[in-house]
């Protein structure tokens, strides 16, 4: 009998830490954007983070962190 691995957990904290490293405060908008990344909406996540003041490269990186848990 084989057991399935548990589902991967979202990594919103890694996303929000990346945002904090850019000097942008973690707001509800940032958390919502990171949640979009968790659901594989990387373009929507990056667009929302950029709108919240996160530089483009950092926004993309944060969204990738959300989408790919450790």
C-alpha atoms as a PDB file:
ATOM      1  CA  UNK A   1       0.000   0.000   0.000  1.00  0.00           C
ATOM      2  CA  UNK A   2       1.479   3.346  -1.043  1.00  0.00           C
ATOM      3  CA  UNK A   3       0.877   6.584   0.756  1.00  0.00           C
ATOM      4  CA  UNK A   4       0.642   9.873  -1.097  1.00  0.00           C
ATOM      5  CA  UNK A   5       2.809  12.734   0.044  1.00  0.00           C
ATOM      6  CA  UNK A   6       0.958  15.533   1.773  1.00  0.00           C
ATOM      7  CA  UNK A   7       0.103  18.468  -0.474  1.00  0.00           C
ATOM      8  CA  UNK A   8       2.746  21.190  -0.701  1.00  0.00           C
ATOM      9  CA  UNK A   9       2.090  24.085   1.601  1.00  0.00           C
ATOM     10  CA  UNK A  10       1.874  27.625   0.324  1.00  0.00           C
ATOM     11  CA  UNK A  11       4.821  29.819   1.089  1.00  0.00           C
ATOM     12  CA  UNK A  12       3.254  33.200   1.690  1.00  0.00           C
ATOM     13  CA  UNK A  13       5.779  33.991   4.482  1.00  0.00           C
ATOM     14  CA  UNK A  14       8.707  33.620   2.052  1.00  0.00           C
ATOM     15  CA  UNK A  15       6.927  35.941  -0.353  1.00  0.00           C
ATOM     16  CA  UNK A  16       6.239  38.564   2.294  1.00  0.00           C
ATOM     17  CA  UNK A  17       9.836  38.343   3.636  1.00  0.00           C
ATOM     18  CA  UNK A  18      11.113  39.054   0.127  1.00  0.00           C
ATOM     19  CA  UNK A  19       8.826  42.086  -0.033  1.00  0.00           C
ATOM     20  CA  UNK A  20      10.052  43.318   3.372  1.00  0.00           C
ATOM     21  CA  UNK A  21      13.651  43.074   2.172  1.00  0.00           C
ATOM     22  CA  UNK A  22      12.832  45.728  -0.434  1.00  0.00           C
ATOM     23  CA  UNK A  23      11.700  48.106   2.306  1.00  0.00           C
ATOM     24  CA  UNK A  24       7.992  47.819   1.470  1.00  0.00           C
ATOM     25  CA  UNK A  25       5.659  47.206   4.409  1.00  0.00           C
ATOM     26  CA  UNK A  26       3.577  44.051   4.277  1.00  0.00           C
ATOM     27  CA  UNK A  27       0.007  45.242   3.888  1.00  0.00           C
ATOM     28  CA  UNK A  28      -3.206  43.397   3.132  1.00  0.00           C
ATOM     29  CA  UNK A  29      -2.562  44.144  -0.560  1.00  0.00           C
ATOM     30  CA  UNK A  30       0.872  42.497  -0.367  1.00  0.00           C
ATOM     31  CA  UNK A  31      -0.526  39.426   1.385  1.00  0.00           C
ATOM     32  CA  UNK A  32      -3.309  39.178  -1.203  1.00  0.00           C
ATOM     33  CA  UNK A  33      -0.754  39.450  -4.012  1.00  0.00           C
ATOM     34  CA  UNK A  34       1.380  36.699  -2.473  1.00  0.00           C
ATOM     35  CA  UNK A  35      -1.738  34.549  -2.220  1.00  0.00           C
ATOM     36  CA  UNK A  36      -2.208  34.966  -5.979  1.00  0.00           C
ATOM     37  CA  UNK A  37       1.326  33.630  -6.419  1.00  0.00           C
ATOM     38  CA  UNK A  38       0.465  30.591  -4.337  1.00  0.00           C
ATOM     39  CA  UNK A  39      -2.377  29.881  -6.764  1.00  0.00           C
ATOM     40  CA  UNK A  40       0.047  30.058  -9.733  1.00  0.00           C
ATOM     41  CA  UNK A  41      -1.148  33.490 -10.909  1.00  0.00           C
ATOM     42  CA  UNK A  42       2.413  34.778 -11.144  1.00  0.00           C
ATOM     43  CA  UNK A  43       1.570  37.632 -13.510  1.00  0.00           C
ATOM     44  CA  UNK A  44      -1.267  38.828 -11.274  1.00  0.00           C
ATOM     45  CA  UNK A  45       0.912  38.472  -8.192  1.00  0.00           C
ATOM     46  CA  UNK A  46       3.792  40.451  -9.695  1.00  0.00           C
ATOM     47  CA  UNK A  47       1.465  43.145 -11.029  1.00  0.00           C
ATOM     48  CA  UNK A  48      -0.193  43.561  -7.629  1.00  0.00           C
ATOM     49  CA  UNK A  49       3.150  43.673  -5.808  1.00  0.00           C
ATOM     50  CA  UNK A  50       4.511  46.222  -8.262  1.00  0.00           C
ATOM     51  CA  UNK A  51       1.371  48.290  -7.663  1.00  0.00           C
ATOM     52  CA  UNK A  52       2.106  48.109  -3.934  1.00  0.00           C
ATOM     53  CA  UNK A  53       5.558  49.611  -4.534  1.00  0.00           C
ATOM     54  CA  UNK A  54       7.735  46.513  -4.821  1.00  0.00           C
ATOM     55  CA  UNK A  55      10.379  46.830  -7.577  1.00  0.00           C
ATOM     56  CA  UNK A  56       9.658  44.586 -10.576  1.00  0.00           C
ATOM     57  CA  UNK A  57      12.505  42.108 -10.146  1.00  0.00           C
ATOM     58  CA  UNK A  58      11.802  41.675  -6.456  1.00  0.00           C
ATOM     59  CA  UNK A  59       8.074  41.299  -7.155  1.00  0.00           C
ATOM     60  CA  UNK A  60       8.765  38.486  -9.605  1.00  0.00           C
ATOM     61  CA  UNK A  61      11.092  36.780  -7.147  1.00  0.00           C
ATOM     62  CA  UNK A  62       8.595  37.068  -4.298  1.00  0.00           C
ATOM     63  CA  UNK A  63       5.858  35.552  -6.450  1.00  0.00           C
ATOM     64  CA  UNK A  64       8.121  32.663  -7.441  1.00  0.00           C
ATOM     65  CA  UNK A  65       8.821  32.063  -3.736  1.00  0.00           C
ATOM     66  CA  UNK A  66       5.076  31.893  -3.089  1.00  0.00           C
ATOM     67  CA  UNK A  67       4.464  29.506  -5.972  1.00  0.00           C
ATOM     68  CA  UNK A  68       7.321  27.119  -5.162  1.00  0.00           C
ATOM     69  CA  UNK A  69       7.306  26.140  -1.505  1.00  0.00           C
ATOM     70  CA  UNK A  70      10.562  24.820  -0.035  1.00  0.00           C
END
